[in-house]
């Protein structure tokens, strides 16, 4: 058998010469022709013009071993064998993704692919820079600001419009931005932030005071339905539950406070002394006093309860500190006793926000009676208080909210159990196949019965569906919040030191691993030291618990977890 055969292939007006290796078969011949003509192999039609070859169109499974190529060449008088090729060449296309060089991009596009830009420090403005960077990652706030159209010129309106413009500047560039206009409008809206020291330099301010002031102004200005709808387009009045402005819709916590008199146990058999006489209190009951309030952040009480009675309790975790801040005791008048009495105070969350802020109570005022001016001094608590990437607020909620959250939790738990059981039984892989086979064998009556069953199941699910517990929360919300930004303070001086922002990246650059010896995902973050921006990881953020001279968490920002 001849190893190599000379072929002359006629293709349209072109003639292509090929030294065909017979051992390569039909696939080898077509591959060589595709390389020379760019006609895809699956679109080729090859027919023999010389005698002694195949008849009709060459098939892919044809065996060239059945051809006597020596005899065919002899009939062609030793010349090349002639073939006819039919088929259109594939059009040349460029790469699917166009290569674009970074230096060719406009500044606003460069800002999207590089590290986020920082804010220049314009004289002890790190308190402002850190909070601004954290809130930059709240898209609902950005949308509300975009829809804001002030009707009058005021310091408050200027504050919000310059904040909006600062965010736009940050989005348009990868270089540091000087927030000059925003700093000026901040000092106009908050005169205390314009204070200067003995040398005339601006004084350091409190980041939490700036954050609270920002929300106060936003509550007064962003109270139009347009702002709330722009930020939370699918929310309902029932979900808002009285939140009438953007600040309360995004950050507001409706708090249910219950006061219970400690000198009554509710059974009417207590004994007390009123005006010096021992009197049986049979039949006397002091009913609990229930009221509602609005907060825009939770407080992690590091030193103890709100009344100071728990100050010796060692708080080591954020959940312990929040729990202490929601419980305590006060002294107030008892109408039944006719005098002041000690009451137990308990606060619980009656409406949850989409964005949750938690302040660590690191700063406190200490009286100095022995000093010359008796003015007191502001001190900082350095003790470590740990926190995790997920904050569960279930135990801080009212019974009504707990009931709704439990429905979602029970549903998620049942789904997880079903999934595990199916996997253990090997049913998960066969589920789709079995369903298809079952559907094919169904009669019309079976299909009607199945539809009725599905409708009844849907009706039951609707009856058991959780009621809304706040605006803008994910479907089947379970009460879990995901940490996405942290404001930290470094230094032992409460009136000095330095603030920085730590913000979770919008996307991770690669595979996300677990932090050693934990279930925490080690995701990408950025740390904003004013105009200097550096990448970091979740494990770096979780180390910001305090206990030394390094940066420690002061404001934590969480978003409702899907």
Protein backbone atom coordinates (compact mmCIF):
# COMPACT_ATOMS: atom_id res chain seq x y z
CA UNK A 1 0.00 0.00 0.00
CA UNK A 2 1.25 3.47 -0.89
CA UNK A 3 2.11 5.55 2.19
CA UNK A 4 1.83 9.01 0.62
CA UNK A 5 -0.34 10.03 -2.32
CA UNK A 6 -0.09 13.26 -4.33
CA UNK A 7 -3.50 14.93 -4.64
CA UNK A 8 -4.66 17.91 -6.67
CA UNK A 9 -7.84 19.36 -5.14
CA UNK A 10 -10.01 21.70 -7.20
CA UNK A 11 -11.83 24.20 -4.96
CA UNK A 12 -13.72 26.86 -6.86
CA UNK A 13 -11.17 28.74 -8.93
CA UNK A 14 -8.27 27.49 -6.81
CA UNK A 15 -6.22 24.34 -7.15
CA UNK A 16 -4.60 22.97 -4.00
CA UNK A 17 -1.81 20.40 -4.04
CA UNK A 18 -1.62 18.02 -1.09
CA UNK A 19 0.74 15.18 -0.19
CA UNK A 20 -1.82 12.99 1.55
CA UNK A 21 -0.67 10.51 4.20
CA UNK A 22 -2.98 7.55 3.68
CA UNK A 23 -2.65 6.34 7.30
CA UNK A 24 -4.30 9.58 8.50
CA UNK A 25 -7.63 8.48 7.01
CA UNK A 26 -10.52 10.75 6.12
CA UNK A 27 -10.04 12.85 9.25
CA UNK A 28 -6.40 13.56 8.41
CA UNK A 29 -7.24 14.54 4.84
CA UNK A 30 -9.99 16.92 5.88
CA UNK A 31 -7.83 18.46 8.61
CA UNK A 32 -5.08 19.24 6.11
CA UNK A 33 -7.56 20.74 3.67
CA UNK A 34 -9.18 22.80 6.45
CA UNK A 35 -5.80 24.24 7.32
CA UNK A 36 -5.22 25.28 3.68
CA UNK A 37 -8.74 26.47 2.81
CA UNK A 38 -10.39 27.38 6.16
CA UNK A 39 -13.39 25.27 5.09
CA UNK A 40 -14.66 23.57 8.28
CA UNK A 41 -14.26 19.79 8.13
CA UNK A 42 -17.93 19.19 8.94
CA UNK A 43 -18.95 21.36 5.98
CA UNK A 44 -16.65 19.73 3.40
CA UNK A 45 -17.94 17.66 0.47
CA UNK A 46 -15.12 15.71 -1.27
CA UNK A 47 -15.72 13.86 -4.55
CA UNK A 48 -13.22 11.91 -6.68
CA UNK A 49 -12.56 12.99 -10.27
CA UNK A 50 -9.86 10.34 -10.94
CA UNK A 51 -10.91 6.73 -11.52
CA UNK A 52 -10.35 3.92 -9.05
CA UNK A 53 -11.28 5.90 -5.91
CA UNK A 54 -14.67 6.22 -4.13
CA UNK A 55 -18.06 7.02 -5.57
CA UNK A 56 -20.11 10.06 -4.64
CA UNK A 57 -19.32 12.19 -1.57
CA UNK A 58 -16.55 10.89 0.67
CA UNK A 59 -18.00 9.67 3.99
CA UNK A 60 -16.24 10.12 7.32
CA UNK A 61 -16.15 6.39 8.01
CA UNK A 62 -14.70 5.43 4.59
CA UNK A 63 -11.71 3.06 4.75
CA UNK A 64 -8.86 4.12 2.45
CA UNK A 65 -7.43 0.60 2.86
CA UNK A 66 -10.04 -0.59 0.35
CA UNK A 67 -8.47 1.54 -2.42
CA UNK A 68 -5.55 0.40 -4.59
CA UNK A 69 -3.80 3.76 -4.84
CA UNK A 70 -0.97 2.25 -7.00
CA UNK A 71 -3.51 1.23 -9.67
CA UNK A 72 -5.28 4.58 -9.45
CA UNK A 73 -1.97 6.41 -9.93
CA UNK A 74 -1.17 4.18 -12.87
CA UNK A 75 -4.46 5.09 -14.53
CA UNK A 76 -3.61 8.78 -13.92
CA UNK A 77 -0.29 8.09 -15.72
CA UNK A 78 1.67 8.66 -12.52
CA UNK A 79 0.29 12.15 -12.04
CA UNK A 80 -1.57 13.43 -8.94
CA UNK A 81 -5.07 12.16 -8.27
CA UNK A 82 -7.76 14.77 -8.83
CA UNK A 83 -10.43 15.60 -6.23
CA UNK A 84 -13.24 18.14 -6.11
CA UNK A 85 -13.87 20.09 -2.88
CA UNK A 86 -17.12 21.92 -2.22
CA UNK A 87 -17.72 24.11 0.81
CA UNK A 88 -17.44 27.73 1.95
CA UNK A 89 -14.55 28.98 4.04
CA UNK A 90 -15.36 30.21 7.52
CA UNK A 91 -15.11 33.96 7.93
CA UNK A 92 -12.15 35.22 9.92
CA UNK A 93 -13.24 36.65 13.22
CA UNK A 94 -11.35 38.64 15.76
CA UNK A 95 -10.92 37.55 19.37
CA UNK A 96 -14.17 37.23 21.31
CA UNK A 97 -12.93 39.66 23.92
CA UNK A 98 -11.31 42.80 22.64
CA UNK A 99 -8.00 43.57 24.28
CA UNK A 100 -8.13 46.95 25.95
CA UNK A 101 -5.12 48.52 27.62
CA UNK A 102 -5.56 50.28 30.94
CA UNK A 103 -3.94 53.48 29.69
CA UNK A 104 -6.51 53.67 26.87
CA UNK A 105 -9.50 53.68 29.26
CA UNK A 106 -11.20 56.88 30.42
CA UNK A 107 -10.72 57.70 34.14
CA UNK A 108 -14.21 56.55 35.17
CA UNK A 109 -13.58 53.11 33.60
CA UNK A 110 -10.14 52.83 35.22
CA UNK A 111 -11.82 53.50 38.59
CA UNK A 112 -14.01 50.40 38.09
CA UNK A 113 -11.14 47.97 37.57
CA UNK A 114 -8.53 49.33 39.97
CA UNK A 115 -8.53 49.62 43.74
CA UNK A 116 -11.13 52.13 44.98
CA UNK A 117 -9.94 55.68 45.47
CA UNK A 118 -9.25 57.26 48.84
CA UNK A 119 -10.05 60.65 50.39
CA UNK A 120 -7.40 63.18 51.28
CA UNK A 121 -7.12 64.29 54.89
CA UNK A 122 -7.83 68.04 54.99
CA UNK A 123 -6.85 68.57 58.61
CA UNK A 124 -8.00 65.92 61.11
CA UNK A 125 -10.85 64.83 58.79
CA UNK A 126 -10.17 61.10 59.15
CA UNK A 127 -13.44 60.80 61.15
CA UNK A 128 -15.33 62.08 58.08
CA UNK A 129 -13.31 60.09 55.53
CA UNK A 130 -13.78 56.76 57.32
CA UNK A 131 -17.58 57.02 57.70
CA UNK A 132 -17.97 58.30 54.13
CA UNK A 133 -16.05 55.33 52.73
CA UNK A 134 -18.12 52.85 54.74
CA UNK A 135 -21.44 54.35 53.63
CA UNK A 136 -20.23 54.36 50.03
CA UNK A 137 -20.98 50.62 50.06
CA UNK A 138 -24.67 51.22 50.86
CA UNK A 139 -26.29 51.37 47.39
CA UNK A 140 -29.71 52.19 48.83
CA UNK A 141 -28.32 55.39 50.37
CA UNK A 142 -26.66 56.32 47.07
CA UNK A 143 -29.96 55.84 45.20
CA UNK A 144 -31.82 57.98 47.72
CA UNK A 145 -29.25 60.76 47.38
CA UNK A 146 -29.49 60.62 43.57
CA UNK A 147 -33.24 61.29 43.72
CA UNK A 148 -32.82 64.20 46.16
CA UNK A 149 -33.86 67.60 44.76
CA UNK A 150 -33.66 70.25 47.51
CA UNK A 151 -36.41 72.85 47.40
CA UNK A 152 -34.43 75.46 49.31
CA UNK A 153 -30.81 76.37 49.97
CA UNK A 154 -29.72 75.42 53.47
CA UNK A 155 -26.69 74.05 55.26
CA UNK A 156 -28.42 70.67 55.50
CA UNK A 157 -29.24 70.55 51.78
CA UNK A 158 -25.68 71.58 50.91
CA UNK A 159 -24.33 68.85 53.18
CA UNK A 160 -26.26 66.13 51.32
CA UNK A 161 -25.57 67.45 47.82
CA UNK A 162 -21.84 67.73 48.46
CA UNK A 163 -21.86 64.20 49.91
CA UNK A 164 -23.53 63.02 46.69
CA UNK A 165 -20.96 64.86 44.58
CA UNK A 166 -18.10 63.38 46.61
CA UNK A 167 -19.35 59.88 45.83
CA UNK A 168 -19.56 60.74 42.14
CA UNK A 169 -15.97 62.02 42.21
CA UNK A 170 -14.82 58.78 43.86
CA UNK A 171 -16.59 56.77 41.17
CA UNK A 172 -14.98 58.74 38.34
CA UNK A 173 -11.32 58.37 39.30
CA UNK A 174 -8.81 55.95 40.75
CA UNK A 175 -6.79 58.79 42.27
CA UNK A 176 -7.38 60.27 45.76
CA UNK A 177 -10.16 62.83 45.98
CA UNK A 178 -9.96 66.03 48.04
CA UNK A 179 -13.44 66.40 49.64
CA UNK A 180 -13.06 70.17 50.10
CA UNK A 181 -16.70 71.06 49.44
CA UNK A 182 -18.00 68.28 51.67
CA UNK A 183 -15.73 69.27 54.55
CA UNK A 184 -16.85 72.91 54.31
CA UNK A 185 -20.54 71.96 54.21
CA UNK A 186 -20.01 69.61 57.18
CA UNK A 187 -18.63 72.46 59.28
CA UNK A 188 -21.57 74.65 58.23
CA UNK A 189 -24.11 71.98 59.17
CA UNK A 190 -22.26 71.03 62.38
CA UNK A 191 -20.50 74.09 63.86
CA UNK A 192 -18.87 71.94 66.56
CA UNK A 193 -16.83 70.21 63.84
CA UNK A 194 -15.28 73.58 62.95
CA UNK A 195 -13.53 73.82 66.33
CA UNK A 196 -9.80 74.47 66.30
CA UNK A 197 -7.07 73.84 68.82
CA UNK A 198 -4.72 76.37 70.49
CA UNK A 199 -2.46 76.35 67.43
CA UNK A 200 -5.38 77.01 65.07
CA UNK A 201 -5.40 73.50 63.58
CA UNK A 202 -8.77 71.68 63.25
CA UNK A 203 -9.57 69.46 66.23
CA UNK A 204 -10.15 65.72 65.98
CA UNK A 205 -13.86 64.80 66.01
CA UNK A 206 -15.83 61.67 66.87
CA UNK A 207 -16.70 59.40 63.91
CA UNK A 208 -19.89 58.16 65.58
CA UNK A 209 -21.09 61.73 66.19
CA UNK A 210 -20.52 62.47 62.51
CA UNK A 211 -22.40 59.30 61.48
CA UNK A 212 -25.35 60.09 63.77
CA UNK A 213 -25.41 63.71 62.55
CA UNK A 214 -25.43 62.53 58.94
CA UNK A 215 -28.45 60.29 59.58
CA UNK A 216 -30.22 63.11 61.44
CA UNK A 217 -29.85 65.47 58.49
CA UNK A 218 -30.85 62.73 56.05
CA UNK A 219 -33.96 62.04 58.13
CA UNK A 220 -34.97 65.70 57.95
CA UNK A 221 -34.23 66.16 54.24
CA UNK A 222 -34.80 62.75 52.61
CA UNK A 223 -38.39 62.30 53.73
CA UNK A 224 -40.08 62.42 50.36
CA UNK A 225 -41.64 59.20 49.05
CA UNK A 226 -39.37 59.49 46.01
CA UNK A 227 -36.24 58.94 48.08
CA UNK A 228 -37.64 55.92 49.93
CA UNK A 229 -38.99 54.41 46.70
CA UNK A 230 -35.70 55.04 44.89
CA UNK A 231 -33.77 53.27 47.66
CA UNK A 232 -36.32 50.49 48.36
CA UNK A 233 -38.50 50.25 45.23
CA UNK A 234 -40.43 47.13 46.27
CA UNK A 235 -41.11 47.97 49.90
CA UNK A 236 -44.66 48.35 51.23
CA UNK A 237 -46.16 50.62 53.94
CA UNK A 238 -46.62 47.52 56.11
CA UNK A 239 -42.90 46.77 55.90
CA UNK A 240 -41.96 50.39 56.62
CA UNK A 241 -44.13 50.28 59.75
CA UNK A 242 -44.05 54.03 60.29
CA UNK A 243 -40.57 54.75 58.88
CA UNK A 244 -41.22 58.05 57.13
CA UNK A 245 -37.74 58.98 55.86
CA UNK A 246 -34.74 57.34 54.24
CA UNK A 247 -32.62 57.19 57.41
CA UNK A 248 -35.27 55.31 59.35
CA UNK A 249 -36.12 53.07 56.39
CA UNK A 250 -32.47 52.01 55.98
CA UNK A 251 -31.00 52.18 59.50
CA UNK A 252 -34.00 52.55 61.84
CA UNK A 253 -34.78 49.99 64.53
CA UNK A 254 -38.20 50.16 66.11
CA UNK A 255 -37.59 49.22 69.76
CA UNK A 256 -40.16 47.70 72.08
CA UNK A 257 -39.38 48.65 75.70
CA UNK A 258 -40.99 46.85 78.62
CA UNK A 259 -40.67 48.10 82.22
CA UNK A 260 -41.56 45.68 85.03
CA UNK A 261 -41.63 46.67 88.69
CA UNK A 262 -39.22 44.46 90.62
CA UNK A 263 -41.31 44.63 93.83
CA UNK A 264 -44.17 42.70 92.26
CA UNK A 265 -43.99 39.17 90.98
CA UNK A 266 -47.38 39.37 89.31
CA UNK A 267 -49.04 36.94 91.72
CA UNK A 268 -50.41 39.51 94.15
CA UNK A 269 -48.85 37.87 97.23
CA UNK A 270 -45.92 40.27 97.71
CA UNK A 271 -45.60 42.16 100.96
CA UNK A 272 -44.25 45.67 101.17
CA UNK A 273 -44.13 48.54 103.57
CA UNK A 274 -46.06 51.65 102.61
CA UNK A 275 -45.68 54.70 104.85
CA UNK A 276 -44.09 52.56 107.57
CA UNK A 277 -46.88 49.96 107.84
CA UNK A 278 -46.62 46.33 106.74
CA UNK A 279 -49.49 45.80 104.35
CA UNK A 280 -50.47 42.70 102.41
CA UNK A 281 -50.37 43.43 98.74
CA UNK A 282 -52.97 40.83 97.92
CA UNK A 283 -54.80 41.87 94.79
CA UNK A 284 -52.35 44.65 93.97
CA UNK A 285 -50.51 44.28 90.68
CA UNK A 286 -48.32 46.84 88.94
CA UNK A 287 -48.87 46.19 85.23
CA UNK A 288 -45.82 46.27 82.96
CA UNK A 289 -45.31 49.51 81.06
CA UNK A 290 -44.73 49.01 77.36
CA UNK A 291 -43.58 51.73 74.96
CA UNK A 292 -41.88 52.08 71.57
CA UNK A 293 -38.86 54.08 70.55
CA UNK A 294 -36.66 54.51 67.46
CA UNK A 295 -32.92 53.86 67.32
CA UNK A 296 -30.60 54.14 64.33
CA UNK A 297 -27.89 51.93 65.77
CA UNK A 298 -27.33 49.30 68.44
CA UNK A 299 -24.72 49.78 71.15
CA UNK A 300 -22.26 47.15 72.29
CA UNK A 301 -21.87 48.03 75.98
CA UNK A 302 -18.32 47.06 76.85
CA UNK A 303 -18.35 48.12 80.51
CA UNK A 304 -21.70 46.73 81.66
CA UNK A 305 -25.45 47.30 81.75
CA UNK A 306 -27.17 50.61 81.13
CA UNK A 307 -27.57 51.20 84.85
CA UNK A 308 -23.97 50.35 85.67
CA UNK A 309 -24.95 47.43 87.92
CA UNK A 310 -23.36 44.94 85.58
CA UNK A 311 -20.10 46.86 85.22
CA UNK A 312 -18.14 43.93 86.68
CA UNK A 313 -19.34 41.57 83.94
CA UNK A 314 -16.51 40.81 81.52
CA UNK A 315 -17.81 41.42 77.99
CA UNK A 316 -15.73 39.52 75.42
CA UNK A 317 -18.07 39.32 72.42
CA UNK A 318 -20.27 41.80 70.55
CA UNK A 319 -23.43 39.77 71.24
CA UNK A 320 -22.83 39.99 75.01
CA UNK A 321 -22.36 43.74 74.83
CA UNK A 322 -25.53 44.28 72.76
CA UNK A 323 -27.53 42.13 75.15
CA UNK A 324 -26.31 44.21 78.12
CA UNK A 325 -27.25 47.46 76.42
CA UNK A 326 -30.81 46.20 75.88
CA UNK A 327 -31.33 45.17 79.51
CA UNK A 328 -30.98 47.03 82.78
CA UNK A 329 -32.88 48.62 85.66
CA UNK A 330 -34.11 52.11 86.45
CA UNK A 331 -35.80 53.84 89.34
CA UNK A 332 -39.23 55.34 88.67
CA UNK A 333 -42.51 55.98 90.43
CA UNK A 334 -44.88 53.12 91.11
CA UNK A 335 -48.51 54.28 91.15
CA UNK A 336 -49.55 51.22 93.15
CA UNK A 337 -46.88 51.72 95.81
CA UNK A 338 -47.16 55.49 95.74
CA UNK A 339 -43.39 55.90 95.70
CA UNK A 340 -40.33 55.31 93.60
CA UNK A 341 -39.33 51.70 92.97
CA UNK A 342 -36.78 49.75 90.97
CA UNK A 343 -38.00 48.59 87.57
CA UNK A 344 -36.41 46.09 85.19
CA UNK A 345 -35.95 47.56 81.73
CA UNK A 346 -35.92 45.30 78.67
CA UNK A 347 -35.66 46.47 75.04
CA UNK A 348 -36.32 44.28 72.03
CA UNK A 349 -36.29 44.97 68.27
CA UNK A 350 -39.82 45.24 66.83
CA UNK A 351 -38.73 46.25 63.30
CA UNK A 352 -35.47 45.25 61.62
CA UNK A 353 -33.52 47.44 59.15
CA UNK A 354 -31.77 46.39 55.94
CA UNK A 355 -28.57 48.08 57.22
CA UNK A 356 -27.56 47.60 60.85
CA UNK A 357 -24.98 49.80 62.59
CA UNK A 358 -23.40 48.76 65.89
CA UNK A 359 -21.34 51.16 68.01
CA UNK A 360 -18.76 49.82 70.45
CA UNK A 361 -18.96 51.87 73.68
CA UNK A 362 -15.23 52.53 73.81
CA UNK A 363 -15.39 56.17 74.95
CA UNK A 364 -16.84 57.36 78.25
CA UNK A 365 -16.72 60.44 80.46
CA UNK A 366 -14.85 60.11 83.76
CA UNK A 367 -15.42 62.63 86.53
CA UNK A 368 -12.31 64.24 88.04
CA UNK A 369 -13.47 65.81 91.35
CA UNK A 370 -9.90 66.20 92.56
CA UNK A 371 -8.75 68.20 89.54
CA UNK A 372 -8.51 71.96 89.61
CA UNK A 373 -11.30 72.60 87.12
CA UNK A 374 -13.43 69.51 88.00
CA UNK A 375 -14.19 69.31 84.27
CA UNK A 376 -13.74 65.55 83.91
CA UNK A 377 -11.96 63.71 81.16
CA UNK A 378 -12.95 61.57 78.17
CA UNK A 379 -11.46 58.08 78.39
CA UNK A 380 -11.15 55.07 76.07
CA UNK A 381 -11.81 51.41 76.88
CA UNK A 382 -9.03 49.31 75.30
CA UNK A 383 -10.30 45.81 76.21
CA UNK A 384 -10.77 43.30 73.37
CA UNK A 385 -14.31 42.55 72.20
CA UNK A 386 -14.53 39.96 69.42
CA UNK A 387 -16.99 39.89 66.53
CA UNK A 388 -17.68 37.62 63.57
CA UNK A 389 -18.55 38.04 59.93
CA UNK A 390 -22.19 37.17 60.67
CA UNK A 391 -24.28 38.72 63.46
CA UNK A 392 -27.42 36.85 64.55
CA UNK A 393 -29.99 39.24 66.05
CA UNK A 394 -32.70 36.63 66.80
CA UNK A 395 -32.31 36.83 70.58
CA UNK A 396 -32.53 40.64 70.51
CA UNK A 397 -35.95 40.66 68.81
CA UNK A 398 -39.48 40.93 70.18
CA UNK A 399 -41.59 37.79 70.44
CA UNK A 400 -43.61 38.82 67.39
CA UNK A 401 -40.50 39.26 65.24
CA UNK A 402 -38.98 36.04 66.60
CA UNK A 403 -42.10 34.14 65.54
CA UNK A 404 -41.73 35.32 61.93
CA UNK A 405 -37.97 34.71 61.82
CA UNK A 406 -38.49 31.21 63.20
CA UNK A 407 -40.74 30.33 60.24
CA UNK A 408 -37.91 31.10 57.83
CA UNK A 409 -35.36 29.32 60.01
CA UNK A 410 -37.50 26.19 60.31
CA UNK A 411 -38.07 26.16 56.55
CA UNK A 412 -34.35 26.51 55.79
CA UNK A 413 -33.52 23.78 58.33
CA UNK A 414 -36.08 21.41 56.82
CA UNK A 415 -34.78 22.04 53.30
CA UNK A 416 -31.23 21.33 54.44
CA UNK A 417 -32.31 18.11 56.18
CA UNK A 418 -34.20 16.97 53.08
CA UNK A 419 -31.21 17.69 50.89
CA UNK A 420 -28.86 15.73 53.14
CA UNK A 421 -31.27 12.79 53.36
CA UNK A 422 -31.67 12.68 49.59
CA UNK A 423 -27.93 12.79 49.13
CA UNK A 424 -27.43 9.96 51.61
CA UNK A 425 -30.08 7.85 49.86
CA UNK A 426 -28.72 8.62 46.40
CA UNK A 427 -32.01 10.18 45.37
CA UNK A 428 -30.63 13.57 44.40
CA UNK A 429 -29.08 12.39 41.13
CA UNK A 430 -32.10 10.35 40.05
CA UNK A 431 -34.70 12.94 41.06
CA UNK A 432 -34.94 14.70 37.68
CA UNK A 433 -34.97 11.42 35.73
CA UNK A 434 -37.69 9.92 37.94
CA UNK A 435 -39.79 13.04 37.63
CA UNK A 436 -39.59 12.96 33.82
CA UNK A 437 -40.55 9.28 33.70
CA UNK A 438 -43.45 9.87 36.10
CA UNK A 439 -44.74 12.83 34.11
CA UNK A 440 -44.72 10.80 30.86
CA UNK A 441 -46.93 8.11 32.39
CA UNK A 442 -49.53 10.49 33.84
CA UNK A 443 -53.11 10.57 32.64
CA UNK A 444 -55.22 13.75 32.50
CA UNK A 445 -56.88 12.81 35.81
CA UNK A 446 -53.47 12.34 37.42
CA UNK A 447 -52.33 15.72 36.13
CA UNK A 448 -55.45 17.44 37.51
CA UNK A 449 -54.97 15.77 40.88
CA UNK A 450 -51.30 16.82 40.94
CA UNK A 451 -52.23 20.40 40.03
CA UNK A 452 -54.83 20.48 42.82
CA UNK A 453 -52.30 19.10 45.29
CA UNK A 454 -49.75 21.73 44.24
CA UNK A 455 -52.34 24.50 44.60
CA UNK A 456 -53.26 23.30 48.10
CA UNK A 457 -49.57 23.13 49.06
CA UNK A 458 -49.05 26.66 47.75
CA UNK A 459 -52.06 27.85 49.75
CA UNK A 460 -50.65 26.29 52.92
CA UNK A 461 -47.26 27.90 52.23
CA UNK A 462 -48.90 31.29 51.81
CA UNK A 463 -50.70 30.85 55.13
CA UNK A 464 -47.42 29.90 56.81
CA UNK A 465 -45.36 32.53 54.97
CA UNK A 466 -43.58 34.87 57.39
CA UNK A 467 -44.97 38.36 57.84
CA UNK A 468 -42.59 41.23 56.99
CA UNK A 469 -40.37 42.28 59.89
CA UNK A 470 -38.84 45.33 58.22
CA UNK A 471 -38.35 47.15 54.90
CA UNK A 472 -35.98 46.00 52.18
CA UNK A 473 -35.20 42.64 53.79
CA UNK A 474 -34.52 39.52 51.68
CA UNK A 475 -37.26 36.93 51.22
CA UNK A 476 -37.31 34.37 54.04
CA UNK A 477 -34.98 36.52 56.14
CA UNK A 478 -33.64 34.58 59.13
CA UNK A 479 -32.19 37.42 61.22
CA UNK A 480 -28.59 37.08 60.05
CA UNK A 481 -26.56 40.18 59.18
CA UNK A 482 -23.33 40.19 57.16
CA UNK A 483 -20.45 42.48 58.14
CA UNK A 484 -19.43 44.74 55.23
CA UNK A 485 -17.65 47.76 56.76
CA UNK A 486 -15.85 48.79 59.95
CA UNK A 487 -14.67 52.16 61.29
CA UNK A 488 -11.68 51.72 63.60
CA UNK A 489 -9.90 54.04 66.01
CA UNK A 490 -6.21 53.86 66.88
CA UNK A 491 -4.69 55.55 69.90
CA UNK A 492 -5.29 55.86 73.62
CA UNK A 493 -6.50 59.47 73.48
CA UNK A 494 -10.24 59.75 72.94
CA UNK A 495 -9.87 63.29 71.60
CA UNK A 496 -7.05 62.34 69.26
CA UNK A 497 -5.84 59.20 67.53
CA UNK A 498 -6.71 58.19 64.00
CA UNK A 499 -9.77 56.70 62.25
CA UNK A 500 -9.67 54.31 59.29
CA UNK A 501 -12.30 52.47 57.23
CA UNK A 502 -12.27 48.77 56.36
CA UNK A 503 -14.70 47.91 53.55
CA UNK A 504 -15.58 44.58 51.96
CA UNK A 505 -14.73 44.32 48.25
CA UNK A 506 -17.63 44.11 45.79
CA UNK A 507 -16.07 40.99 44.21
CA UNK A 508 -13.40 38.52 45.25
CA UNK A 509 -10.27 38.31 43.09
CA UNK A 510 -10.00 34.52 43.26
CA UNK A 511 -11.02 31.42 45.15
CA UNK A 512 -12.29 32.13 48.65
CA UNK A 513 -10.73 29.91 51.31
CA UNK A 514 -11.77 29.41 54.92
CA UNK A 515 -9.94 31.14 57.74
CA UNK A 516 -7.86 28.60 59.65
CA UNK A 517 -9.78 26.75 62.38
CA UNK A 518 -13.07 28.47 61.56
CA UNK A 519 -16.01 28.46 59.16
CA UNK A 520 -15.43 32.11 58.19
CA UNK A 521 -14.83 32.87 54.51
CA UNK A 522 -11.54 34.73 54.05
CA UNK A 523 -12.85 37.28 51.53
CA UNK A 524 -11.30 40.38 49.97
CA UNK A 525 -11.48 43.73 51.79
CA UNK A 526 -9.90 47.16 51.42
CA UNK A 527 -8.52 49.36 54.19
CA UNK A 528 -8.84 53.13 53.67
CA UNK A 529 -6.19 55.14 55.51
CA UNK A 530 -7.43 58.49 54.16
CA UNK A 531 -5.90 58.71 50.65
CA UNK A 532 -3.96 55.44 50.95
CA UNK A 533 -5.92 52.30 50.00
CA UNK A 534 -4.59 48.77 50.54
CA UNK A 535 -6.08 45.28 50.07
CA UNK A 536 -6.66 43.06 53.08
CA UNK A 537 -8.63 39.97 54.07
CA UNK A 538 -11.49 39.05 56.40
CA UNK A 539 -9.00 37.55 58.86
CA UNK A 540 -7.34 40.98 59.15
CA UNK A 541 -10.69 42.64 59.89
CA UNK A 542 -11.65 40.12 62.58
CA UNK A 543 -8.42 40.98 64.42
CA UNK A 544 -9.69 44.53 64.99
CA UNK A 545 -11.22 43.54 68.33
CA UNK A 546 -8.98 45.73 70.48
CA UNK A 547 -6.76 44.92 73.40
CA UNK A 548 -3.68 46.90 72.37
CA UNK A 549 -2.47 50.02 70.61
CA UNK A 550 -3.49 48.78 67.14
CA UNK A 551 -6.72 49.82 65.40
CA UNK A 552 -9.88 48.56 67.10
CA UNK A 553 -13.48 48.47 65.93
CA UNK A 554 -15.66 51.45 66.83
CA UNK A 555 -18.51 51.27 64.30
CA UNK A 556 -19.53 48.02 62.61
CA UNK A 557 -21.87 48.07 59.60
CA UNK A 558 -23.92 45.02 58.65
CA UNK A 559 -26.38 44.28 55.83
CA UNK A 560 -29.24 41.78 55.87
CA UNK A 561 -27.94 38.43 54.62
CA UNK A 562 -29.79 36.67 51.83
